[in-house]
Amino acid sequence: MQKIIALLLFTLFSNISFSQSAKIEFSAKDNTIDYGKVNKTTDSGIRSFQFTNTGDAPLVIIDVLSTSGFTISQKPTQPIAPGQKGKIEVKYNMAVGPIRKTITVETNATNYEGGRIALKIKGEITE
């Protein structure tokens, strides 16, 4: 009987110690970057989404999928340790008109369904 209880306690504590998870929190309010109203000749079109791994396991950025008009110029290629910060840098092609775009980030984060996070970008580009 003591062996069974010991085995159950070992299993319980083993599962607790292995239940680590990565979590991602972006600094941009509502995961949105607002370019505002900018001139296409004086603005580079580059913006950064800053984030922190608030979990207790390494955060992996698996992929960053952009919509037309955007290029992903920088994303983490190595896991982000718990408590560490990272950034995803995007560049807009600065086409004149309103911007309403979404970038999808695929991660191992457990605080978003399926680890997929929608980052929104809005603003207006003038000549």
C-alpha atoms as a PDB file:
ATOM      1  CA  MET A   1       0.000   0.000   0.000  1.00  0.00           C
ATOM      2  CA  GLN A   2       2.832   2.395   0.813  1.00  0.00           C
ATOM      3  CA  LYS A   3       4.356   1.731  -2.587  1.00  0.00           C
ATOM      4  CA  ILE A   4       1.098   2.617  -4.303  1.00  0.00           C
ATOM      5  CA  ILE A   5       0.777   5.868  -2.345  1.00  0.00           C
ATOM      6  CA  ALA A   6       4.418   6.729  -3.063  1.00  0.00           C
ATOM      7  CA  LEU A   7       3.890   6.030  -6.769  1.00  0.00           C
ATOM      8  CA  LEU A   8       0.755   8.218  -6.850  1.00  0.00           C
ATOM      9  CA  LEU A   9       2.546  11.088  -5.079  1.00  0.00           C
ATOM     10  CA  PHE A  10       5.533  10.779  -7.422  1.00  0.00           C
ATOM     11  CA  THR A  11       3.222  10.862 -10.463  1.00  0.00           C
ATOM     12  CA  LEU A  12       1.329  13.880  -9.120  1.00  0.00           C
ATOM     13  CA  PHE A  13       4.466  15.902  -8.416  1.00  0.00           C
ATOM     14  CA  SER A  14       6.046  14.865 -11.719  1.00  0.00           C
ATOM     15  CA  ASN A  15       3.036  16.155 -13.645  1.00  0.00           C
ATOM     16  CA  ILE A  16       3.065  19.425 -11.720  1.00  0.00           C
ATOM     17  CA  SER A  17       6.727  20.029 -12.446  1.00  0.00           C
ATOM     18  CA  PHE A  18       6.279  19.290 -16.167  1.00  0.00           C
ATOM     19  CA  SER A  19       3.257  21.540 -16.629  1.00  0.00           C
ATOM     20  CA  GLN A  20       5.345  24.532 -17.646  1.00  0.00           C
ATOM     21  CA  SER A  21       4.043  26.772 -20.386  1.00  0.00           C
ATOM     22  CA  ALA A  22       5.201  29.689 -22.487  1.00  0.00           C
ATOM     23  CA  LYS A  23       3.045  32.810 -22.499  1.00  0.00           C
ATOM     24  CA  ILE A  24       3.405  35.893 -24.668  1.00  0.00           C
ATOM     25  CA  GLU A  25       2.345  39.429 -23.827  1.00  0.00           C
ATOM     26  CA  PHE A  26       2.688  42.244 -26.359  1.00  0.00           C
ATOM     27  CA  SER A  27       3.349  45.794 -25.177  1.00  0.00           C
ATOM     28  CA  ALA A  28       1.141  47.349 -27.887  1.00  0.00           C
ATOM     29  CA  LYS A  29      -2.373  48.020 -26.604  1.00  0.00           C
ATOM     30  CA  ASP A  30      -4.807  45.472 -28.074  1.00  0.00           C
ATOM     31  CA  ASN A  31      -1.853  44.032 -30.061  1.00  0.00           C
ATOM     32  CA  THR A  32      -2.235  46.978 -32.449  1.00  0.00           C
ATOM     33  CA  ILE A  33       0.289  49.396 -33.903  1.00  0.00           C
ATOM     34  CA  ASP A  34      -1.186  52.653 -35.144  1.00  0.00           C
ATOM     35  CA  TYR A  35       0.983  54.355 -37.758  1.00  0.00           C
ATOM     36  CA  GLY A  36      -1.242  57.391 -37.468  1.00  0.00           C
ATOM     37  CA  LYS A  37      -1.179  59.713 -40.474  1.00  0.00           C
ATOM     38  CA  VAL A  38       2.299  59.612 -42.025  1.00  0.00           C
ATOM     39  CA  ASN A  39       3.927  60.835 -45.229  1.00  0.00           C
ATOM     40  CA  LYS A  40       5.259  58.106 -47.509  1.00  0.00           C
ATOM     41  CA  THR A  41       8.430  60.049 -48.345  1.00  0.00           C
ATOM     42  CA  THR A  42       9.448  60.855 -44.767  1.00  0.00           C
ATOM     43  CA  ASP A  43       8.564  57.604 -42.968  1.00  0.00           C
ATOM     44  CA  SER A  44      10.475  54.316 -43.352  1.00  0.00           C
ATOM     45  CA  GLY A  45       7.374  52.216 -42.724  1.00  0.00           C
ATOM     46  CA  ILE A  46       9.213  50.116 -40.118  1.00  0.00           C
ATOM     47  CA  ARG A  47       7.508  49.349 -36.801  1.00  0.00           C
ATOM     48  CA  SER A  48       8.212  46.845 -34.009  1.00  0.00           C
ATOM     49  CA  PHE A  49       5.916  44.685 -31.941  1.00  0.00           C
ATOM     50  CA  GLN A  50       7.641  44.286 -28.557  1.00  0.00           C
ATOM     51  CA  PHE A  51       6.726  41.287 -26.403  1.00  0.00           C
ATOM     52  CA  THR A  52       7.692  39.470 -23.212  1.00  0.00           C
ATOM     53  CA  ASN A  53       7.614  35.777 -22.375  1.00  0.00           C
ATOM     54  CA  THR A  54       5.526  35.851 -19.184  1.00  0.00           C
ATOM     55  CA  GLY A  55       5.415  32.069 -18.871  1.00  0.00           C
ATOM     56  CA  ASP A  56       7.756  29.639 -17.179  1.00  0.00           C
ATOM     57  CA  ALA A  57       8.978  27.809 -20.299  1.00  0.00           C
ATOM     58  CA  PRO A  58      10.871  28.980 -23.407  1.00  0.00           C
ATOM     59  CA  LEU A  59       8.709  30.791 -25.978  1.00  0.00           C
ATOM     60  CA  VAL A  60       9.184  29.766 -29.596  1.00  0.00           C
ATOM     61  CA  ILE A  61       8.115  31.981 -32.501  1.00  0.00           C
ATOM     62  CA  ILE A  62       7.338  29.313 -35.085  1.00  0.00           C
ATOM     63  CA  ASP A  63       6.316  31.589 -37.952  1.00  0.00           C
ATOM     64  CA  VAL A  64       5.132  35.106 -38.735  1.00  0.00           C
ATOM     65  CA  LEU A  65       2.674  35.372 -41.624  1.00  0.00           C
ATOM     66  CA  SER A  66       2.207  38.755 -43.247  1.00  0.00           C
ATOM     67  CA  THR A  67      -0.498  40.061 -45.510  1.00  0.00           C
ATOM     68  CA  SER A  68       0.211  41.864 -48.753  1.00  0.00           C
ATOM     69  CA  GLY A  69       2.071  45.131 -48.405  1.00  0.00           C
ATOM     70  CA  PHE A  70       4.109  44.012 -45.394  1.00  0.00           C
ATOM     71  CA  THR A  71       7.497  42.392 -45.015  1.00  0.00           C
ATOM     72  CA  ILE A  72       8.682  40.753 -41.816  1.00  0.00           C
ATOM     73  CA  SER A  73      12.134  42.283 -41.480  1.00  0.00           C
ATOM     74  CA  GLN A  74      13.044  40.717 -38.135  1.00  0.00           C
ATOM     75  CA  LYS A  75      11.730  37.959 -35.871  1.00  0.00           C
ATOM     76  CA  PRO A  76      13.312  35.833 -33.160  1.00  0.00           C
ATOM     77  CA  THR A  77      14.976  32.681 -34.436  1.00  0.00           C
ATOM     78  CA  GLN A  78      15.925  31.313 -30.994  1.00  0.00           C
ATOM     79  CA  PRO A  79      13.575  30.516 -28.086  1.00  0.00           C
ATOM     80  CA  ILE A  80      12.840  33.415 -25.742  1.00  0.00           C
ATOM     81  CA  ALA A  81      13.550  32.473 -22.115  1.00  0.00           C
ATOM     82  CA  PRO A  82      10.954  33.147 -19.404  1.00  0.00           C
ATOM     83  CA  GLY A  83      10.986  36.828 -18.432  1.00  0.00           C
ATOM     84  CA  GLN A  84      12.939  37.842 -21.537  1.00  0.00           C
ATOM     85  CA  LYS A  85      11.792  40.290 -24.207  1.00  0.00           C
ATOM     86  CA  GLY A  86      11.783  40.050 -27.978  1.00  0.00           C
ATOM     87  CA  LYS A  87      10.472  41.900 -30.995  1.00  0.00           C
ATOM     88  CA  ILE A  88       8.940  41.330 -34.385  1.00  0.00           C
ATOM     89  CA  GLU A  89       9.798  44.066 -36.871  1.00  0.00           C
ATOM     90  CA  VAL A  90       7.526  44.753 -39.848  1.00  0.00           C
ATOM     91  CA  LYS A  91       7.927  47.062 -42.817  1.00  0.00           C
ATOM     92  CA  TYR A  92       5.007  48.480 -44.772  1.00  0.00           C
ATOM     93  CA  ASN A  93       5.455  49.284 -48.475  1.00  0.00           C
ATOM     94  CA  MET A  94       4.016  52.778 -47.811  1.00  0.00           C
ATOM     95  CA  ALA A  95       1.288  52.642 -50.450  1.00  0.00           C
ATOM     96  CA  VAL A  96      -0.838  55.790 -50.218  1.00  0.00           C
ATOM     97  CA  GLY A  97      -4.177  55.289 -48.469  1.00  0.00           C
ATOM     98  CA  PRO A  98      -5.536  53.727 -45.301  1.00  0.00           C
ATOM     99  CA  ILE A  99      -3.810  50.745 -43.655  1.00  0.00           C
ATOM    100  CA  ARG A 100      -5.871  47.971 -42.101  1.00  0.00           C
ATOM    101  CA  LYS A 101      -3.734  44.838 -41.982  1.00  0.00           C
ATOM    102  CA  THR A 102      -3.193  41.797 -39.780  1.00  0.00           C
ATOM    103  CA  ILE A 103      -0.005  39.853 -39.133  1.00  0.00           C
ATOM    104  CA  THR A 104      -0.410  36.329 -37.715  1.00  0.00           C
ATOM    105  CA  VAL A 105       2.203  35.018 -35.294  1.00  0.00           C
ATOM    106  CA  GLU A 106       2.414  31.267 -34.688  1.00  0.00           C
ATOM    107  CA  THR A 107       3.940  30.331 -31.317  1.00  0.00           C
ATOM    108  CA  ASN A 108       3.956  27.696 -28.607  1.00  0.00           C
ATOM    109  CA  ALA A 109       2.263  30.181 -26.225  1.00  0.00           C
ATOM    110  CA  THR A 110      -0.574  28.700 -24.203  1.00  0.00           C
ATOM    111  CA  ASN A 111      -2.383  31.960 -23.465  1.00  0.00           C
ATOM    112  CA  TYR A 112      -3.694  32.214 -27.054  1.00  0.00           C
ATOM    113  CA  GLU A 113      -5.814  29.534 -28.702  1.00  0.00           C
ATOM    114  CA  GLY A 114      -3.579  27.328 -30.814  1.00  0.00           C
ATOM    115  CA  GLY A 115      -0.664  29.661 -30.072  1.00  0.00           C
ATOM    116  CA  ARG A 116      -1.812  31.972 -32.907  1.00  0.00           C
ATOM    117  CA  ILE A 117      -1.804  35.703 -32.260  1.00  0.00           C
ATOM    118  CA  ALA A 118      -3.285  38.344 -34.555  1.00  0.00           C
ATOM    119  CA  LEU A 119      -1.293  41.588 -34.619  1.00  0.00           C
ATOM    120  CA  LYS A 120      -3.135  44.518 -36.120  1.00  0.00           C
ATOM    121  CA  ILE A 121      -1.717  47.475 -37.987  1.00  0.00           C
ATOM    122  CA  LYS A 122      -3.660  50.598 -38.869  1.00  0.00           C
ATOM    123  CA  GLY A 123      -3.005  54.103 -40.062  1.00  0.00           C
ATOM    124  CA  GLU A 124      -3.013  56.290 -43.149  1.00  0.00           C
ATOM    125  CA  ILE A 125      -0.245  56.997 -45.644  1.00  0.00           C
ATOM    126  CA  THR A 126      -0.220  60.342 -47.466  1.00  0.00           C
ATOM    127  CA  GLU A 127       1.889  61.646 -50.342  1.00  0.00           C
END
